[in-house]
Amino acid sequence: MRSDAIPAPLFGGTTSGVTNAASATGATSAPGGAHVANLAGAANGTNGRRGAADPASARPPVVELAAAPLRSADAASAAREPGAQLQLGKLQQGLDYLDRLAAAMQQLKGGLSDTLARQTAPSAAVHGQLDQLRQLWAQRGRDAGGRVDAELQAAPQDGAARQRFKLRGLDLAVLQQGGKETLRLQLPSQPQDSGGSSNGGIGNNGGKPTLIAVTLDGEGTQQQLLALTKALSPAGLSVQAQGTEIVFSVAESQWPALRDGLTLRGEGKRFPSGQPVRALLEPSPDALQPQRWDVKEATGQRQALGQLLQAEPKVAQARARLHEQLVASATPPAGAVEETLSPEQAGRLAGSLAGALSGAEYSDVGALLPALRGMHRQRVRQLLGS
């Protein structure tokens, strides 16, 4: 495991009285076993020896314990929410993918550099390194947990990887000419489970195509961009100006449907009127394109090596960004304070635990043993006497 990786907190607990009691003591599963009777003995001042059972008495029920939490709700609840668990897992998945990608890139870079220096044909090892990188890149969408896009940019903290693209025939110059015109776009439907956000996006219209109308008046670039943003945002599309171009983006999971099914209709000024026509979308190029590399000749080797060199800092930057998000997600909110049991609470808890176990059979005690490994009698006495 990487030294800077932060493991996702585990879901905790069952509702049985024995397990709740063990959880409330803060016991861990550290090495070094200890018999469960030691804890019961520590609570009542004995050596943990159980008295003779009364054959006429029935087996006592396991007591449900309501112990005070060891941590404040503010400090621990956020990290234990299922949504937070999923987010932490995807961040770790993205970091792991970037580590494997960086290693594969480094190996291929070394192999290509050596091949160019020797002016020889690439070895079988170089071809194997290229195949490994191709496979790794083809699996990016799945293996990176949706946290790294095709341009090697980290996804935002509260979002998924996005695909950026341009709409052919629509740039900043076009926005400022042609006068007033209403564009009508039809976005294709898409199943909800394809990755669309529950907060909006393609496919959130009950499986029906999404119809959007936006009016361009040809006055003021910023106003035109705001109009586009306002119209497209509910469908999960974003708009940004880059130089003289307008760059759109959509969640990667929604991109295939949008690319193949977006249609638009104008009023004959910027776009033709009449029947809607298929929109021509131009995706931003991938940061790595190993499927297109032909390393048999020196020219192809240099091309591949150049892309690798350009992608290296992007991988490092994306990894740093994901690590920042991981730390932020796993850090308790500011001002959260850990709470510990008072001596009186600890005494009552130990007494309740001893009573619960006094008539328990092995099947009940067995549920508690894993949590009490390493919980020695002397340690319990020190806690109760503090």
Protein backbone atom coordinates (compact mmCIF):
# COMPACT_ATOMS: atom_id res chain seq x y z
CA MET A 1 0.00 0.00 0.00
CA ARG A 2 1.23 3.51 -0.76
CA SER A 3 2.44 5.47 2.22
CA ASP A 4 0.02 8.29 1.49
CA ALA A 5 -3.01 6.13 0.86
CA ILE A 6 -5.81 6.47 3.39
CA PRO A 7 -7.88 3.33 3.82
CA ALA A 8 -11.62 3.77 3.68
CA PRO A 9 -13.27 3.33 7.08
CA LEU A 10 -15.11 0.07 7.52
CA PHE A 11 -18.80 -0.36 8.00
CA GLY A 12 -19.24 -1.32 11.60
CA GLY A 13 -21.21 -3.44 13.85
CA THR A 14 -24.14 -5.70 14.39
CA THR A 15 -27.07 -5.16 16.65
CA SER A 16 -26.39 -7.99 19.09
CA GLY A 17 -25.79 -7.01 22.68
CA VAL A 18 -22.42 -8.75 22.84
CA THR A 19 -21.09 -7.09 19.72
CA ASN A 20 -22.37 -3.67 20.75
CA ALA A 21 -20.58 -4.00 24.04
CA ALA A 22 -17.32 -4.90 22.35
CA SER A 23 -17.66 -1.99 19.95
CA ALA A 24 -18.29 0.46 22.76
CA THR A 25 -15.12 -0.57 24.61
CA GLY A 26 -13.07 0.46 21.60
CA ALA A 27 -11.42 -2.96 21.49
CA THR A 28 -9.35 -3.78 18.45
CA SER A 29 -8.23 -6.96 16.82
CA ALA A 30 -4.52 -6.42 17.49
CA PRO A 31 -2.35 -9.53 17.78
CA GLY A 32 -1.99 -11.19 21.15
CA GLY A 33 -5.00 -13.18 22.34
CA ALA A 34 -6.71 -12.84 25.69
CA HIS A 35 -9.51 -14.92 27.13
CA VAL A 36 -12.80 -13.12 27.24
CA ALA A 37 -13.21 -14.07 30.92
CA ASN A 38 -10.36 -11.67 31.77
CA LEU A 39 -12.53 -8.71 30.81
CA ALA A 40 -15.46 -9.94 32.85
CA GLY A 41 -13.12 -10.56 35.78
CA ALA A 42 -11.68 -7.08 35.50
CA ALA A 43 -15.15 -5.66 35.84
CA ASN A 44 -16.05 -7.48 39.05
CA GLY A 45 -12.62 -7.76 40.69
CA THR A 46 -12.23 -11.54 40.28
CA ASN A 47 -9.76 -13.54 38.26
CA GLY A 48 -12.37 -14.27 35.68
CA ARG A 49 -13.34 -17.67 37.09
CA ARG A 50 -16.99 -18.37 36.56
CA GLY A 51 -19.06 -19.61 39.47
CA ALA A 52 -20.95 -22.87 39.39
CA ALA A 53 -24.01 -22.70 37.24
CA ASP A 54 -27.38 -23.29 38.83
CA PRO A 55 -28.84 -26.24 36.96
CA ALA A 56 -32.35 -25.12 37.83
CA SER A 57 -31.87 -21.70 36.36
CA ALA A 58 -32.60 -20.95 32.74
CA ARG A 59 -30.00 -19.52 30.43
CA PRO A 60 -30.07 -15.73 30.89
CA PRO A 61 -30.84 -13.66 27.81
CA VAL A 62 -28.12 -11.57 26.20
CA VAL A 63 -28.48 -8.00 27.40
CA GLU A 64 -28.77 -5.19 24.91
CA LEU A 65 -26.30 -2.50 25.98
CA ALA A 66 -26.69 1.19 25.23
CA ALA A 67 -23.18 2.49 25.69
CA ALA A 68 -22.06 6.03 24.97
CA PRO A 69 -20.16 6.38 21.69
CA LEU A 70 -16.39 6.71 21.83
CA ARG A 71 -16.41 9.32 19.08
CA SER A 72 -18.66 12.25 18.48
CA ALA A 73 -21.20 11.82 15.73
CA ASP A 74 -19.75 14.77 13.83
CA ALA A 75 -16.28 13.22 13.70
CA ALA A 76 -17.22 9.77 12.52
CA SER A 77 -20.63 9.81 10.85
CA ALA A 78 -19.52 11.46 7.62
CA ALA A 79 -16.79 8.91 6.96
CA ARG A 80 -19.14 6.01 7.71
CA GLU A 81 -21.97 7.03 5.40
CA PRO A 82 -22.40 4.61 2.48
CA GLY A 83 -21.99 7.47 0.00
CA ALA A 84 -18.74 8.54 1.64
CA GLN A 85 -17.52 4.95 1.61
CA LEU A 86 -18.19 4.73 -2.12
CA GLN A 87 -16.44 8.03 -2.77
CA LEU A 88 -13.36 6.98 -0.80
CA GLY A 89 -13.26 3.67 -2.63
CA LYS A 90 -13.40 5.33 -6.04
CA LEU A 91 -10.67 7.79 -5.06
CA GLN A 92 -8.42 4.95 -3.98
CA GLN A 93 -9.28 3.12 -7.20
CA GLY A 94 -8.29 6.18 -9.23
CA LEU A 95 -5.00 6.53 -7.37
CA ASP A 96 -4.19 2.87 -7.88
CA TYR A 97 -4.91 3.17 -11.59
CA LEU A 98 -2.65 6.20 -11.97
CA ASP A 99 0.16 4.38 -10.17
CA ARG A 100 -0.12 1.41 -12.53
CA LEU A 101 -0.38 3.71 -15.54
CA ALA A 102 2.71 5.67 -14.49
CA ALA A 103 4.69 2.45 -14.05
CA ALA A 104 3.64 1.14 -17.48
CA MET A 105 4.50 4.47 -19.10
CA GLN A 106 7.91 4.53 -17.45
CA GLN A 107 8.74 1.02 -18.64
CA LEU A 108 7.73 1.74 -22.23
CA LYS A 109 9.56 5.06 -22.20
CA GLY A 110 12.74 3.32 -21.13
CA GLY A 111 12.33 0.64 -23.78
CA LEU A 112 11.71 3.15 -26.58
CA SER A 113 14.60 5.35 -25.49
CA ASP A 114 16.96 2.38 -25.52
CA THR A 115 15.68 1.26 -28.93
CA LEU A 116 16.23 4.72 -30.44
CA ALA A 117 19.68 5.00 -28.89
CA ARG A 118 20.73 1.64 -30.30
CA GLN A 119 19.01 2.29 -33.65
CA THR A 120 17.69 -1.24 -33.66
CA ALA A 121 14.31 -2.84 -34.13
CA PRO A 122 12.18 -2.87 -30.99
CA SER A 123 12.57 -6.01 -28.93
CA ALA A 124 9.82 -8.36 -27.87
CA ALA A 125 9.94 -6.73 -24.44
CA VAL A 126 9.12 -3.32 -25.94
CA HIS A 127 6.15 -4.77 -27.84
CA GLY A 128 4.98 -6.39 -24.62
CA GLN A 129 5.28 -3.08 -22.78
CA LEU A 130 3.22 -1.38 -25.49
CA ASP A 131 0.53 -4.08 -25.32
CA GLN A 132 0.35 -3.66 -21.55
CA LEU A 133 -0.10 0.10 -21.84
CA ARG A 134 -2.75 -0.31 -24.54
CA GLN A 135 -4.73 -2.68 -22.36
CA LEU A 136 -4.38 -0.42 -19.33
CA TRP A 137 -5.54 2.63 -21.27
CA ALA A 138 -8.49 0.78 -22.80
CA GLN A 139 -9.68 -0.11 -19.29
CA ARG A 140 -9.32 3.42 -17.90
CA GLY A 141 -13.05 4.11 -17.60
CA ARG A 142 -13.58 1.01 -15.50
CA ASP A 143 -10.32 0.68 -13.57
CA ALA A 144 -10.03 4.35 -12.58
CA GLY A 145 -13.43 4.40 -10.90
CA GLY A 146 -14.60 7.32 -13.01
CA ARG A 147 -12.02 9.61 -11.37
CA VAL A 148 -9.66 10.17 -14.34
CA ASP A 149 -10.78 11.35 -17.77
CA ALA A 150 -9.26 10.76 -21.20
CA GLU A 151 -7.21 13.95 -20.95
CA LEU A 152 -5.69 12.69 -17.68
CA GLN A 153 -7.53 15.25 -15.62
CA ALA A 154 -8.87 14.33 -12.20
CA ALA A 155 -12.64 14.45 -11.86
CA PRO A 156 -14.05 17.11 -9.53
CA GLN A 157 -14.63 16.19 -5.90
CA ASP A 158 -18.39 15.82 -6.29
CA GLY A 159 -18.53 14.62 -9.89
CA ALA A 160 -17.31 12.03 -12.35
CA ALA A 161 -14.89 12.09 -15.27
CA ARG A 162 -16.17 14.16 -18.19
CA GLN A 163 -15.74 14.17 -21.93
CA ARG A 164 -14.99 17.54 -23.53
CA PHE A 165 -16.03 18.25 -27.09
CA LYS A 166 -16.80 20.97 -29.63
CA LEU A 167 -19.94 21.45 -31.67
CA ARG A 168 -18.91 21.99 -35.26
CA GLY A 169 -20.23 25.30 -36.60
CA LEU A 170 -20.56 26.95 -33.20
CA ASP A 171 -17.73 29.11 -31.88
CA LEU A 172 -17.41 32.58 -30.33
CA ALA A 173 -17.38 34.29 -33.72
CA VAL A 174 -20.61 32.57 -34.74
CA LEU A 175 -22.27 33.66 -31.51
CA GLN A 176 -21.64 37.32 -32.34
CA GLN A 177 -23.09 37.23 -35.84
CA GLY A 178 -26.27 36.32 -37.56
CA GLY A 179 -28.68 38.23 -35.40
CA LYS A 180 -31.34 36.69 -33.20
CA GLU A 181 -31.98 32.97 -33.63
CA THR A 182 -33.46 30.17 -31.53
CA LEU A 183 -31.61 26.87 -31.58
CA ARG A 184 -33.58 23.74 -30.74
CA LEU A 185 -31.55 20.76 -29.59
CA GLN A 186 -32.81 17.24 -28.98
CA LEU A 187 -30.69 15.18 -26.62
CA PRO A 188 -31.09 11.41 -26.83
CA SER A 189 -32.59 9.39 -24.01
CA GLN A 190 -30.33 7.17 -21.96
CA PRO A 191 -31.00 4.57 -19.24
CA GLN A 192 -30.64 5.89 -15.70
CA ASP A 193 -28.13 3.22 -14.72
CA SER A 194 -25.67 4.25 -17.41
CA GLY A 195 -24.04 6.71 -15.12
CA GLY A 196 -26.24 9.77 -15.36
CA SER A 197 -26.35 11.93 -12.28
CA SER A 198 -29.46 11.94 -10.19
CA ASN A 199 -29.15 15.71 -10.11
CA GLY A 200 -29.69 16.08 -13.82
CA GLY A 201 -28.37 14.74 -17.05
CA ILE A 202 -29.23 12.87 -20.19
CA GLY A 203 -31.68 10.10 -19.46
CA ASN A 204 -33.37 11.80 -16.52
CA ASN A 205 -36.52 12.57 -18.49
CA GLY A 206 -38.27 9.25 -18.03
CA GLY A 207 -36.45 7.67 -20.99
CA LYS A 208 -37.70 10.32 -23.41
CA PRO A 209 -35.47 12.62 -25.50
CA THR A 210 -34.71 15.97 -23.89
CA LEU A 211 -35.75 19.04 -25.88
CA ILE A 212 -33.84 22.28 -25.28
CA ALA A 213 -34.40 25.69 -26.86
CA VAL A 214 -31.88 28.51 -26.49
CA THR A 215 -32.16 31.94 -28.08
CA LEU A 216 -29.02 33.67 -29.35
CA ASP A 217 -29.29 37.39 -30.00
CA GLY A 218 -25.85 38.02 -31.47
CA GLU A 219 -24.98 40.62 -28.87
CA GLY A 220 -22.26 40.12 -26.28
CA THR A 221 -20.22 36.95 -26.04
CA GLN A 222 -20.61 36.62 -22.28
CA GLN A 223 -24.39 36.90 -22.48
CA GLN A 224 -24.48 34.21 -25.18
CA LEU A 225 -22.36 31.85 -23.07
CA LEU A 226 -24.58 32.43 -20.07
CA ALA A 227 -27.64 31.64 -22.16
CA LEU A 228 -26.07 28.41 -23.40
CA THR A 229 -24.99 27.45 -19.89
CA LYS A 230 -28.43 28.11 -18.42
CA ALA A 231 -30.14 26.08 -21.12
CA LEU A 232 -27.79 23.09 -21.12
CA SER A 233 -26.97 22.80 -17.43
CA PRO A 234 -30.16 20.90 -16.44
CA ALA A 235 -29.20 18.23 -18.99
CA GLY A 236 -25.77 17.80 -17.43
CA LEU A 237 -23.80 19.70 -20.07
CA SER A 238 -21.36 22.48 -19.25
CA VAL A 239 -20.04 25.27 -21.47
CA GLN A 240 -16.67 27.01 -21.38
CA ALA A 241 -14.81 29.41 -23.65
CA GLN A 242 -11.25 28.49 -24.58
CA GLY A 243 -9.64 31.06 -26.83
CA THR A 244 -11.96 31.48 -29.77
CA GLU A 245 -13.59 28.10 -29.24
CA ILE A 246 -16.59 26.96 -27.22
CA VAL A 247 -15.89 23.73 -25.35
CA PHE A 248 -18.74 21.63 -24.02
CA SER A 249 -18.45 18.75 -21.60
CA VAL A 250 -20.65 15.88 -20.45
CA ALA A 251 -20.21 12.90 -18.14
CA GLU A 252 -18.20 10.21 -19.90
CA SER A 253 -20.97 7.70 -19.31
CA GLN A 254 -23.37 9.91 -21.29
CA TRP A 255 -20.98 10.73 -24.11
CA PRO A 256 -21.66 7.77 -26.48
CA ALA A 257 -25.40 8.45 -26.58
CA LEU A 258 -24.90 12.19 -27.01
CA ARG A 259 -22.29 11.74 -29.74
CA ASP A 260 -24.51 9.46 -31.79
CA GLY A 261 -27.90 11.03 -31.15
CA LEU A 262 -27.74 14.82 -30.66
CA THR A 263 -29.75 16.71 -33.27
CA LEU A 264 -30.39 20.42 -33.70
CA ARG A 265 -32.43 22.85 -35.76
CA GLY A 266 -31.97 26.57 -36.24
CA GLU A 267 -33.81 29.27 -38.13
CA GLY A 268 -31.57 29.42 -41.18
CA LYS A 269 -29.00 31.86 -39.79
CA ARG A 270 -26.39 29.86 -37.94
CA PHE A 271 -27.97 26.45 -38.46
CA PRO A 272 -30.48 25.25 -41.06
CA SER A 273 -34.20 25.33 -40.39
CA GLY A 274 -36.64 22.60 -41.29
CA GLN A 275 -35.97 19.07 -40.08
CA PRO A 276 -33.46 18.59 -37.27
CA VAL A 277 -30.00 17.54 -38.46
CA ARG A 278 -27.39 15.43 -36.78
CA ALA A 279 -24.98 17.56 -34.76
CA LEU A 280 -21.32 17.00 -35.53
CA LEU A 281 -19.40 16.70 -32.26
CA GLU A 282 -15.61 16.72 -32.12
CA PRO A 283 -14.21 15.13 -28.94
CA SER A 284 -11.04 16.48 -27.40
CA PRO A 285 -8.10 14.17 -28.16
CA ASP A 286 -6.95 11.68 -25.55
CA ALA A 287 -3.77 12.49 -23.66
CA LEU A 288 -2.47 9.06 -24.67
CA GLN A 289 -3.28 7.25 -27.91
CA PRO A 290 -1.32 4.00 -27.65
CA GLN A 291 -3.72 2.18 -29.97
CA ARG A 292 -2.43 4.36 -32.83
CA TRP A 293 1.26 3.95 -32.09
CA ASP A 294 3.36 2.01 -34.58
CA VAL A 295 6.77 1.53 -33.01
CA LYS A 296 8.30 -0.59 -35.76
CA GLU A 297 10.07 2.46 -37.22
CA ALA A 298 11.99 5.28 -35.57
CA THR A 299 9.35 7.86 -36.56
CA GLY A 300 6.61 6.02 -34.71
CA GLN A 301 8.90 5.43 -31.74
CA ARG A 302 9.61 9.15 -31.44
CA GLN A 303 5.91 9.96 -31.71
CA ALA A 304 5.05 7.54 -28.92
CA LEU A 305 7.92 8.77 -26.78
CA GLY A 306 6.79 12.37 -27.24
CA GLN A 307 3.26 11.57 -26.06
CA LEU A 308 4.63 9.72 -23.05
CA LEU A 309 6.80 12.68 -22.07
CA GLN A 310 3.86 15.08 -22.40
CA ALA A 311 1.55 12.80 -20.39
CA GLU A 312 3.91 12.26 -17.45
CA PRO A 313 3.27 15.62 -15.72
CA LYS A 314 -0.47 15.20 -16.31
CA VAL A 315 -0.44 11.87 -14.52
CA ALA A 316 1.49 13.39 -11.60
CA GLN A 317 -0.90 16.35 -11.40
CA ALA A 318 -3.99 14.13 -11.53
CA ARG A 319 -2.58 11.91 -8.81
CA ALA A 320 -1.84 14.89 -6.57
CA ARG A 321 -5.37 16.18 -7.08
CA LEU A 322 -6.97 12.82 -6.24
CA HIS A 323 -4.80 12.50 -3.16
CA GLU A 324 -5.96 15.93 -1.98
CA GLN A 325 -9.56 14.83 -2.45
CA LEU A 326 -8.89 11.59 -0.57
CA VAL A 327 -7.40 13.42 2.40
CA ALA A 328 -10.28 15.91 2.43
CA SER A 329 -12.88 13.13 2.27
CA ALA A 330 -11.31 11.14 5.09
CA THR A 331 -10.65 14.09 7.41
CA PRO A 332 -13.28 14.76 10.11
CA PRO A 333 -15.03 18.14 9.91
CA ALA A 334 -13.25 21.08 11.53
CA GLY A 335 -14.08 21.37 15.21
CA ALA A 336 -15.02 17.71 15.62
CA VAL A 337 -13.74 16.44 18.96
CA GLU A 338 -13.28 12.84 19.96
CA GLU A 339 -15.13 11.86 23.10
CA THR A 340 -14.02 9.13 25.53
CA LEU A 341 -15.89 7.30 28.23
CA SER A 342 -15.67 8.67 31.76
CA PRO A 343 -14.45 6.26 34.50
CA GLU A 344 -18.03 5.92 35.73
CA GLN A 345 -19.32 5.10 32.24
CA ALA A 346 -16.52 2.60 31.73
CA GLY A 347 -17.31 0.92 35.04
CA ARG A 348 -21.00 0.61 34.23
CA LEU A 349 -20.18 -0.69 30.77
CA ALA A 350 -17.81 -3.34 32.11
CA GLY A 351 -20.35 -4.40 34.73
CA SER A 352 -23.07 -4.71 32.12
CA LEU A 353 -20.75 -6.72 29.92
CA ALA A 354 -19.83 -9.06 32.78
CA GLY A 355 -23.50 -9.61 33.56
CA ALA A 356 -24.32 -10.27 29.92
CA LEU A 357 -21.59 -12.89 29.67
CA SER A 358 -22.00 -14.54 33.06
CA GLY A 359 -24.46 -17.11 31.71
CA ALA A 360 -23.53 -17.06 28.06
CA GLU A 361 -22.53 -20.18 26.19
CA TYR A 362 -19.58 -20.51 23.89
CA SER A 363 -21.60 -19.59 20.79
CA ASP A 364 -22.32 -16.19 22.36
CA VAL A 365 -18.81 -15.63 23.63
CA GLY A 366 -17.36 -16.62 20.27
CA ALA A 367 -18.92 -13.54 18.67
CA LEU A 368 -16.96 -11.35 21.06
CA LEU A 369 -13.56 -13.03 20.95
CA PRO A 370 -12.29 -11.43 17.68
CA ALA A 371 -12.90 -7.95 19.08
CA LEU A 372 -11.07 -8.71 22.34
CA ARG A 373 -7.83 -10.03 20.95
CA GLY A 374 -5.09 -7.99 22.55
CA MET A 375 -7.39 -6.60 25.26
CA HIS A 376 -5.43 -7.70 28.34
CA ARG A 377 -6.66 -7.72 31.90
CA GLN A 378 -4.05 -5.23 33.11
CA ARG A 379 -5.02 -2.75 30.43
CA VAL A 380 -8.68 -2.98 31.44
CA ARG A 381 -7.77 -2.36 35.09
CA GLN A 382 -5.73 0.70 34.12
CA LEU A 383 -8.64 2.10 32.13
CA LEU A 384 -11.11 1.53 34.94
CA GLY A 385 -8.78 3.00 37.54
CA SER A 386 -7.89 6.15 35.60
